[in-house]
Amino acid sequence: MVAFCREQIARAAGSWPSPPDFALWPPVNRGGRKRRRPVCRVRGEVVEKYASVEDAARAIRTSRDDIDERIESGHPDKAGWTWWDSKP
């Protein structure tokens, strides 16, 4: 199924037989000094928002990598919080 979709996108974009660059590399904000990546965590009906992954890591005393892993996996942490990318 994926191969069929890639072929259809490539034909529509005019780059067939290769898929177009935008189909392979969706934009991802990994954060940084000039472009902060807001995140939030949810447990039940409680939502806590943070301006960046670094701010969240500092607030709960963990590493940026730990928060990135929680967001990517979608699994709750030991306290039951689920982490998400957020809008500012």
PDB file of N, CA and C in Angstrom:
ATOM      1  N   MET A   1       0.819  -1.196   0.000  1.00  0.00           N
ATOM      2  CA  MET A   1       0.000   0.000   0.000  1.00  0.00           C
ATOM      3  C   MET A   1       0.865   1.263   0.000  1.00  0.00           C
ATOM      4  N   VAL A   2       1.896   1.258   0.837  1.00  0.00           N
ATOM      5  CA  VAL A   2       2.772   2.430   0.908  1.00  0.00           C
ATOM      6  C   VAL A   2       3.474   2.656  -0.423  1.00  0.00           C
ATOM      7  N   ALA A   3       3.938   1.580  -1.045  1.00  0.00           N
ATOM      8  CA  ALA A   3       4.615   1.714  -2.331  1.00  0.00           C
ATOM      9  C   ALA A   3       3.672   2.299  -3.379  1.00  0.00           C
ATOM     10  N   PHE A   4       2.419   1.879  -3.365  1.00  0.00           N
ATOM     11  CA  PHE A   4       1.444   2.409  -4.306  1.00  0.00           C
ATOM     12  C   PHE A   4       1.237   3.910  -4.075  1.00  0.00           C
ATOM     13  N   CYS A   5       1.102   4.307  -2.814  1.00  0.00           N
ATOM     14  CA  CYS A   5       0.906   5.731  -2.498  1.00  0.00           C
ATOM     15  C   CYS A   5       2.115   6.560  -2.911  1.00  0.00           C
ATOM     16  N   ARG A   6       3.310   6.043  -2.650  1.00  0.00           N
ATOM     17  CA  ARG A   6       4.517   6.773  -3.049  1.00  0.00           C
ATOM     18  C   ARG A   6       4.565   6.946  -4.564  1.00  0.00           C
ATOM     19  N   GLU A   7       4.182   5.906  -5.293  1.00  0.00           N
ATOM     20  CA  GLU A   7       4.186   5.992  -6.754  1.00  0.00           C
ATOM     21  C   GLU A   7       3.167   7.011  -7.237  1.00  0.00           C
ATOM     22  N   GLN A   8       1.990   7.036  -6.663  1.00  0.00           N
ATOM     23  CA  GLN A   8       0.956   7.992  -7.065  1.00  0.00           C
ATOM     24  C   GLN A   8       1.389   9.427  -6.768  1.00  0.00           C
ATOM     25  N   ILE A   9       2.012   9.644  -5.616  1.00  0.00           N
ATOM     26  CA  ILE A   9       2.507  10.981  -5.271  1.00  0.00           C
ATOM     27  C   ILE A   9       3.595  11.407  -6.252  1.00  0.00           C
ATOM     28  N   ALA A  10       4.503  10.493  -6.574  1.00  0.00           N
ATOM     29  CA  ALA A  10       5.587  10.809  -7.508  1.00  0.00           C
ATOM     30  C   ALA A  10       5.042  11.157  -8.879  1.00  0.00           C
ATOM     31  N   ARG A  11       4.045  10.427  -9.340  1.00  0.00           N
ATOM     32  CA  ARG A  11       3.450  10.722 -10.650  1.00  0.00           C
ATOM     33  C   ARG A  11       2.754  12.083 -10.630  1.00  0.00           C
ATOM     34  N   ALA A  12       2.024  12.375  -9.557  1.00  0.00           N
ATOM     35  CA  ALA A  12       1.317  13.662  -9.464  1.00  0.00           C
ATOM     36  C   ALA A  12       2.295  14.831  -9.372  1.00  0.00           C
ATOM     37  N   ALA A  13       3.428  14.617  -8.711  1.00  0.00           N
ATOM     38  CA  ALA A  13       4.420  15.686  -8.546  1.00  0.00           C
ATOM     39  C   ALA A  13       5.348  15.809  -9.749  1.00  0.00           C
ATOM     40  N   GLY A  14       5.297  14.836 -10.660  1.00  0.00           N
ATOM     41  CA  GLY A  14       6.147  14.888 -11.848  1.00  0.00           C
ATOM     42  C   GLY A  14       7.563  14.428 -11.610  1.00  0.00           C
ATOM     43  N   SER A  15       7.809  13.695 -10.544  1.00  0.00           N
ATOM     44  CA  SER A  15       9.167  13.235 -10.263  1.00  0.00           C
ATOM     45  C   SER A  15       9.318  11.721 -10.418  1.00  0.00           C
ATOM     46  N   TRP A  16       8.310  11.055 -10.963  1.00  0.00           N
ATOM     47  CA  TRP A  16       8.337   9.599 -11.100  1.00  0.00           C
ATOM     48  C   TRP A  16       9.524   9.163 -11.935  1.00  0.00           C
ATOM     49  N   PRO A  17      10.283   8.156 -11.588  1.00  0.00           N
ATOM     50  CA  PRO A  17       9.999   7.092 -10.634  1.00  0.00           C
ATOM     51  C   PRO A  17      10.446   7.390  -9.205  1.00  0.00           C
ATOM     52  N   SER A  18      11.103   8.510  -8.963  1.00  0.00           N
ATOM     53  CA  SER A  18      11.535   8.854  -7.601  1.00  0.00           C
ATOM     54  C   SER A  18      10.457   9.670  -6.904  1.00  0.00           C
ATOM     55  N   PRO A  19      10.234   9.446  -5.619  1.00  0.00           N
ATOM     56  CA  PRO A  19       9.275  10.284  -4.902  1.00  0.00           C
ATOM     57  C   PRO A  19       9.846  11.691  -4.720  1.00  0.00           C
ATOM     58  N   PRO A  20       8.997  12.702  -4.655  1.00  0.00           N
ATOM     59  CA  PRO A  20       9.493  14.067  -4.449  1.00  0.00           C
ATOM     60  C   PRO A  20      10.062  14.232  -3.046  1.00  0.00           C
ATOM     61  N   ASP A  21      10.934  15.198  -2.895  1.00  0.00           N
ATOM     62  CA  ASP A  21      11.576  15.435  -1.601  1.00  0.00           C
ATOM     63  C   ASP A  21      10.567  15.677  -0.487  1.00  0.00           C
ATOM     64  N   PHE A  22       9.511  16.440  -0.766  1.00  0.00           N
ATOM     65  CA  PHE A  22       8.565  16.762   0.300  1.00  0.00           C
ATOM     66  C   PHE A  22       7.822  15.531   0.804  1.00  0.00           C
ATOM     67  N   ALA A  23       7.714  14.472   0.012  1.00  0.00           N
ATOM     68  CA  ALA A  23       7.039  13.247   0.444  1.00  0.00           C
ATOM     69  C   ALA A  23       7.918  12.448   1.403  1.00  0.00           C
ATOM     70  N   LEU A  24       9.217  12.630   1.304  1.00  0.00           N
ATOM     71  CA  LEU A  24      10.132  11.860   2.143  1.00  0.00           C
ATOM     72  C   LEU A  24      10.536  12.584   3.415  1.00  0.00           C
ATOM     73  N   TRP A  25      10.532  13.882   3.391  1.00  0.00           N
ATOM     74  CA  TRP A  25      11.028  14.655   4.522  1.00  0.00           C
ATOM     75  C   TRP A  25       9.992  15.652   5.006  1.00  0.00           C
ATOM     76  N   PRO A  26       8.994  15.209   5.783  1.00  0.00           N
ATOM     77  CA  PRO A  26       8.012  16.160   6.303  1.00  0.00           C
ATOM     78  C   PRO A  26       8.686  17.140   7.263  1.00  0.00           C
ATOM     79  N   PRO A  27       8.199  18.361   7.338  1.00  0.00           N
ATOM     80  CA  PRO A  27       8.823  19.334   8.227  1.00  0.00           C
ATOM     81  C   PRO A  27       8.655  18.916   9.689  1.00  0.00           C
ATOM     82  N   VAL A  28       9.750  18.967  10.428  1.00  0.00           N
ATOM     83  CA  VAL A  28       9.731  18.618  11.841  1.00  0.00           C
ATOM     84  C   VAL A  28      10.441  19.711  12.607  1.00  0.00           C
ATOM     85  N   ASN A  29       9.817  20.181  13.662  1.00  0.00           N
ATOM     86  CA  ASN A  29      10.452  21.172  14.518  1.00  0.00           C
ATOM     87  C   ASN A  29      11.083  20.435  15.684  1.00  0.00           C
ATOM     88  N   ARG A  30      12.401  20.307  15.678  1.00  0.00           N
ATOM     89  CA  ARG A  30      13.100  19.625  16.758  1.00  0.00           C
ATOM     90  C   ARG A  30      13.503  20.593  17.857  1.00  0.00           C
ATOM     91  N   GLY A  31      13.134  21.858  17.692  1.00  0.00           N
ATOM     92  CA  GLY A  31      13.449  22.845  18.718  1.00  0.00           C
ATOM     93  C   GLY A  31      14.829  23.445  18.523  1.00  0.00           C
ATOM     94  N   GLY A  32      15.165  24.357  19.387  1.00  0.00           N
ATOM     95  CA  GLY A  32      16.459  25.020  19.323  1.00  0.00           C
ATOM     96  C   GLY A  32      16.335  26.415  19.892  1.00  0.00           C
ATOM     97  N   ARG A  33      17.412  27.170  19.832  1.00  0.00           N
ATOM     98  CA  ARG A  33      17.408  28.506  20.431  1.00  0.00           C
ATOM     99  C   ARG A  33      16.467  29.467  19.721  1.00  0.00           C
ATOM    100  N   LYS A  34      16.476  29.443  18.403  1.00  0.00           N
ATOM    101  CA  LYS A  34      15.658  30.406  17.663  1.00  0.00           C
ATOM    102  C   LYS A  34      14.255  29.895  17.385  1.00  0.00           C
ATOM    103  N   ARG A  35      14.069  28.585  17.443  1.00  0.00           N
ATOM    104  CA  ARG A  35      12.765  28.021  17.123  1.00  0.00           C
ATOM    105  C   ARG A  35      12.396  26.988  18.186  1.00  0.00           C
ATOM    106  N   ARG A  36      11.790  27.468  19.245  1.00  0.00           N
ATOM    107  CA  ARG A  36      11.458  26.605  20.365  1.00  0.00           C
ATOM    108  C   ARG A  36      10.303  25.673  20.015  1.00  0.00           C
ATOM    109  N   ARG A  37      10.299  24.499  20.599  1.00  0.00           N
ATOM    110  CA  ARG A  37       9.291  23.478  20.332  1.00  0.00           C
ATOM    111  C   ARG A  37       8.389  23.333  21.559  1.00  0.00           C
ATOM    112  N   PRO A  38       7.196  23.943  21.534  1.00  0.00           N
ATOM    113  CA  PRO A  38       6.311  23.843  22.690  1.00  0.00           C
ATOM    114  C   PRO A  38       5.775  22.424  22.873  1.00  0.00           C
ATOM    115  N   VAL A  39       5.640  22.005  24.120  1.00  0.00           N
ATOM    116  CA  VAL A  39       5.129  20.678  24.454  1.00  0.00           C
ATOM    117  C   VAL A  39       4.132  20.798  25.603  1.00  0.00           C
ATOM    118  N   CYS A  40       3.344  19.759  25.778  1.00  0.00           N
ATOM    119  CA  CYS A  40       2.454  19.703  26.933  1.00  0.00           C
ATOM    120  C   CYS A  40       2.383  18.271  27.428  1.00  0.00           C
ATOM    121  N   ARG A  41       1.916  18.126  28.653  1.00  0.00           N
ATOM    122  CA  ARG A  41       1.687  16.793  29.192  1.00  0.00           C
ATOM    123  C   ARG A  41       0.288  16.746  29.774  1.00  0.00           C
ATOM    124  N   VAL A  42      -0.340  15.573  29.661  1.00  0.00           N
ATOM    125  CA  VAL A  42      -1.738  15.413  30.043  1.00  0.00           C
ATOM    126  C   VAL A  42      -1.865  14.207  30.963  1.00  0.00           C
ATOM    127  N   ARG A  43      -2.624  14.388  32.038  1.00  0.00           N
ATOM    128  CA  ARG A  43      -2.984  13.285  32.932  1.00  0.00           C
ATOM    129  C   ARG A  43      -4.410  13.540  33.391  1.00  0.00           C
ATOM    130  N   GLY A  44      -5.312  12.688  32.923  1.00  0.00           N
ATOM    131  CA  GLY A  44      -6.728  12.900  33.217  1.00  0.00           C
ATOM    132  C   GLY A  44      -7.213  14.162  32.522  1.00  0.00           C
ATOM    133  N   GLU A  45      -7.736  15.095  33.303  1.00  0.00           N
ATOM    134  CA  GLU A  45      -8.199  16.365  32.748  1.00  0.00           C
ATOM    135  C   GLU A  45      -7.213  17.499  32.988  1.00  0.00           C
ATOM    136  N   VAL A  46      -6.051  17.177  33.516  1.00  0.00           N
ATOM    137  CA  VAL A  46      -5.027  18.180  33.812  1.00  0.00           C
ATOM    138  C   VAL A  46      -4.067  18.282  32.636  1.00  0.00           C
ATOM    139  N   VAL A  47      -3.849  19.515  32.149  1.00  0.00           N
ATOM    140  CA  VAL A  47      -2.921  19.773  31.050  1.00  0.00           C
ATOM    141  C   VAL A  47      -1.895  20.795  31.523  1.00  0.00           C
ATOM    142  N   GLU A  48      -0.629  20.469  31.376  1.00  0.00           N
ATOM    143  CA  GLU A  48       0.449  21.402  31.699  1.00  0.00           C
ATOM    144  C   GLU A  48       1.200  21.715  30.416  1.00  0.00           C
ATOM    145  N   LYS A  49       1.340  23.011  30.105  1.00  0.00           N
ATOM    146  CA  LYS A  49       2.011  23.441  28.882  1.00  0.00           C
ATOM    147  C   LYS A  49       3.379  24.023  29.220  1.00  0.00           C
ATOM    148  N   TYR A  50       4.327  23.777  28.314  1.00  0.00           N
ATOM    149  CA  TYR A  50       5.681  24.306  28.448  1.00  0.00           C
ATOM    150  C   TYR A  50       6.076  24.959  27.130  1.00  0.00           C
ATOM    151  N   ALA A  51       6.817  26.050  27.220  1.00  0.00           N
ATOM    152  CA  ALA A  51       7.216  26.799  26.031  1.00  0.00           C
ATOM    153  C   ALA A  51       8.201  26.036  25.159  1.00  0.00           C
ATOM    154  N   SER A  52       8.933  25.088  25.748  1.00  0.00           N
ATOM    155  CA  SER A  52       9.910  24.314  24.976  1.00  0.00           C
ATOM    156  C   SER A  52      10.198  22.995  25.686  1.00  0.00           C
ATOM    157  N   VAL A  53      10.828  22.094  24.972  1.00  0.00           N
ATOM    158  CA  VAL A  53      11.243  20.821  25.556  1.00  0.00           C
ATOM    159  C   VAL A  53      12.235  21.080  26.682  1.00  0.00           C
ATOM    160  N   GLU A  54      13.123  22.041  26.467  1.00  0.00           N
ATOM    161  CA  GLU A  54      14.122  22.369  27.486  1.00  0.00           C
ATOM    162  C   GLU A  54      13.463  22.898  28.764  1.00  0.00           C
ATOM    163  N   ASP A  55      12.453  23.774  28.620  1.00  0.00           N
ATOM    164  CA  ASP A  55      11.737  24.281  29.791  1.00  0.00           C
ATOM    165  C   ASP A  55      11.035  23.156  30.541  1.00  0.00           C
ATOM    166  N   ALA A  56      10.439  22.233  29.796  1.00  0.00           N
ATOM    167  CA  ALA A  56       9.749  21.099  30.424  1.00  0.00           C
ATOM    168  C   ALA A  56      10.741  20.216  31.165  1.00  0.00           C
ATOM    169  N   ALA A  57      11.870  19.937  30.541  1.00  0.00           N
ATOM    170  CA  ALA A  57      12.884  19.094  31.171  1.00  0.00           C
ATOM    171  C   ALA A  57      13.396  19.739  32.456  1.00  0.00           C
ATOM    172  N   ARG A  58      13.611  21.030  32.409  1.00  0.00           N
ATOM    173  CA  ARG A  58      14.089  21.747  33.585  1.00  0.00           C
ATOM    174  C   ARG A  58      13.033  21.725  34.696  1.00  0.00           C
ATOM    175  N   ALA A  59      11.754  21.908  34.334  1.00  0.00           N
ATOM    176  CA  ALA A  59      10.679  21.971  35.320  1.00  0.00           C
ATOM    177  C   ALA A  59      10.467  20.647  36.045  1.00  0.00           C
ATOM    178  N   ILE A  60      10.590  19.539  35.328  1.00  0.00           N
ATOM    179  CA  ILE A  60      10.350  18.255  35.988  1.00  0.00           C
ATOM    180  C   ILE A  60      11.641  17.496  36.291  1.00  0.00           C
ATOM    181  N   ARG A  61      12.772  18.148  36.077  1.00  0.00           N
ATOM    182  CA  ARG A  61      14.097  17.606  36.405  1.00  0.00           C
ATOM    183  C   ARG A  61      14.395  16.284  35.708  1.00  0.00           C
ATOM    184  N   THR A  62      14.345  16.358  34.384  1.00  0.00           N
ATOM    185  CA  THR A  62      14.707  15.212  33.554  1.00  0.00           C
ATOM    186  C   THR A  62      15.481  15.722  32.348  1.00  0.00           C
ATOM    187  N   SER A  63      15.765  14.854  31.403  1.00  0.00           N
ATOM    188  CA  SER A  63      16.530  15.263  30.223  1.00  0.00           C
ATOM    189  C   SER A  63      15.607  15.564  29.044  1.00  0.00           C
ATOM    190  N   ARG A  64      16.120  16.340  28.110  1.00  0.00           N
ATOM    191  CA  ARG A  64      15.376  16.614  26.875  1.00  0.00           C
ATOM    192  C   ARG A  64      15.113  15.316  26.130  1.00  0.00           C
ATOM    193  N   ASP A  65      16.086  14.421  26.111  1.00  0.00           N
ATOM    194  CA  ASP A  65      15.930  13.148  25.414  1.00  0.00           C
ATOM    195  C   ASP A  65      14.784  12.332  25.993  1.00  0.00           C
ATOM    196  N   ASP A  66      14.611  12.370  27.308  1.00  0.00           N
ATOM    197  CA  ASP A  66      13.520  11.632  27.947  1.00  0.00           C
ATOM    198  C   ASP A  66      12.171  12.151  27.462  1.00  0.00           C
ATOM    199  N   ILE A  67      12.026  13.461  27.384  1.00  0.00           N
ATOM    200  CA  ILE A  67      10.760  14.046  26.924  1.00  0.00           C
ATOM    201  C   ILE A  67      10.549  13.748  25.445  1.00  0.00           C
ATOM    202  N   ASP A  68      11.585  13.890  24.629  1.00  0.00           N
ATOM    203  CA  ASP A  68      11.473  13.549  23.200  1.00  0.00           C
ATOM    204  C   ASP A  68      11.014  12.104  23.020  1.00  0.00           C
ATOM    205  N   GLU A  69      11.591  11.202  23.804  1.00  0.00           N
ATOM    206  CA  GLU A  69      11.222   9.782  23.706  1.00  0.00           C
ATOM    207  C   GLU A  69       9.753   9.570  24.090  1.00  0.00           C
ATOM    208  N   ARG A  70       9.289  10.251  25.128  1.00  0.00           N
ATOM    209  CA  ARG A  70       7.889  10.126  25.548  1.00  0.00           C
ATOM    210  C   ARG A  70       6.938  10.638  24.474  1.00  0.00           C
ATOM    211  N   ILE A  71       7.292  11.750  23.834  1.00  0.00           N
ATOM    212  CA  ILE A  71       6.444  12.305  22.781  1.00  0.00           C
ATOM    213  C   ILE A  71       6.377  11.345  21.593  1.00  0.00           C
ATOM    214  N   GLU A  72       7.528  10.836  21.178  1.00  0.00           N
ATOM    215  CA  GLU A  72       7.572   9.950  20.018  1.00  0.00           C
ATOM    216  C   GLU A  72       6.885   8.611  20.275  1.00  0.00           C
ATOM    217  N   SER A  73       7.033   8.076  21.482  1.00  0.00           N
ATOM    218  CA  SER A  73       6.457   6.759  21.773  1.00  0.00           C
ATOM    219  C   SER A  73       4.964   6.843  22.087  1.00  0.00           C
ATOM    220  N   GLY A  74       4.540   7.950  22.701  1.00  0.00           N
ATOM    221  CA  GLY A  74       3.142   8.082  23.093  1.00  0.00           C
ATOM    222  C   GLY A  74       2.795   7.341  24.362  1.00  0.00           C
ATOM    223  N   HIS A  75       3.791   6.709  24.997  1.00  0.00           N
ATOM    224  CA  HIS A  75       3.547   5.971  26.231  1.00  0.00           C
ATOM    225  C   HIS A  75       3.612   6.901  27.437  1.00  0.00           C
ATOM    226  N   PRO A  76       2.746   6.698  28.410  1.00  0.00           N
ATOM    227  CA  PRO A  76       2.798   7.536  29.617  1.00  0.00           C
ATOM    228  C   PRO A  76       4.070   7.273  30.421  1.00  0.00           C
ATOM    229  N   ASP A  77       4.485   8.291  31.172  1.00  0.00           N
ATOM    230  CA  ASP A  77       5.643   8.099  32.044  1.00  0.00           C
ATOM    231  C   ASP A  77       5.189   7.415  33.339  1.00  0.00           C
ATOM    232  N   LYS A  78       6.102   7.244  34.299  1.00  0.00           N
ATOM    233  CA  LYS A  78       5.794   6.518  35.533  1.00  0.00           C
ATOM    234  C   LYS A  78       4.684   7.176  36.345  1.00  0.00           C
ATOM    235  N   ALA A  79       4.560   8.484  36.251  1.00  0.00           N
ATOM    236  CA  ALA A  79       3.532   9.202  37.001  1.00  0.00           C
ATOM    237  C   ALA A  79       2.189   9.233  36.268  1.00  0.00           C
ATOM    238  N   GLY A  80       2.132   8.671  35.058  1.00  0.00           N
ATOM    239  CA  GLY A  80       0.880   8.620  34.312  1.00  0.00           C
ATOM    240  C   GLY A  80       0.649   9.766  33.345  1.00  0.00           C
ATOM    241  N   TRP A  81       1.657  10.606  33.141  1.00  0.00           N
ATOM    242  CA  TRP A  81       1.537  11.727  32.209  1.00  0.00           C
ATOM    243  C   TRP A  81       1.819  11.248  30.790  1.00  0.00           C
ATOM    244  N   THR A  82       1.024  11.726  29.835  1.00  0.00           N
ATOM    245  CA  THR A  82       1.265  11.487  28.415  1.00  0.00           C
ATOM    246  C   THR A  82       1.743  12.799  27.808  1.00  0.00           C
ATOM    247  N   TRP A  83       2.837  12.741  27.044  1.00  0.00           N
ATOM    248  CA  TRP A  83       3.457  13.939  26.480  1.00  0.00           C
ATOM    249  C   TRP A  83       3.050  14.129  25.028  1.00  0.00           C
ATOM    250  N   TRP A  84       2.881  15.401  24.628  1.00  0.00           N
ATOM    251  CA  TRP A  84       2.466  15.757  23.263  1.00  0.00           C
ATOM    252  C   TRP A  84       3.199  16.998  22.804  1.00  0.00           C
ATOM    253  N   ASP A  85       3.363  17.109  21.475  1.00  0.00           N
ATOM    254  CA  ASP A  85       3.759  18.383  20.896  1.00  0.00           C
ATOM    255  C   ASP A  85       2.585  19.316  21.083  1.00  0.00           C
ATOM    256  N   SER A  86       2.865  20.592  21.291  1.00  0.00           N
ATOM    257  CA  SER A  86       1.804  21.552  21.576  1.00  0.00           C
ATOM    258  C   SER A  86       1.915  22.749  20.652  1.00  0.00           C
ATOM    259  N   LYS A  87       0.863  23.516  20.576  1.00  0.00           N
ATOM    260  CA  LYS A  87       0.908  24.766  19.837  1.00  0.00           C
ATOM    261  C   LYS A  87       1.143  25.880  20.830  1.00  0.00           C
ATOM    262  N   PRO A  88       1.925  26.907  20.431  1.00  0.00           N
ATOM    263  CA  PRO A  88       2.233  27.983  21.373  1.00  0.00           C
ATOM    264  C   PRO A  88       1.003  28.754  21.809  1.00  0.00           C
TER     265      PRO A  88
END
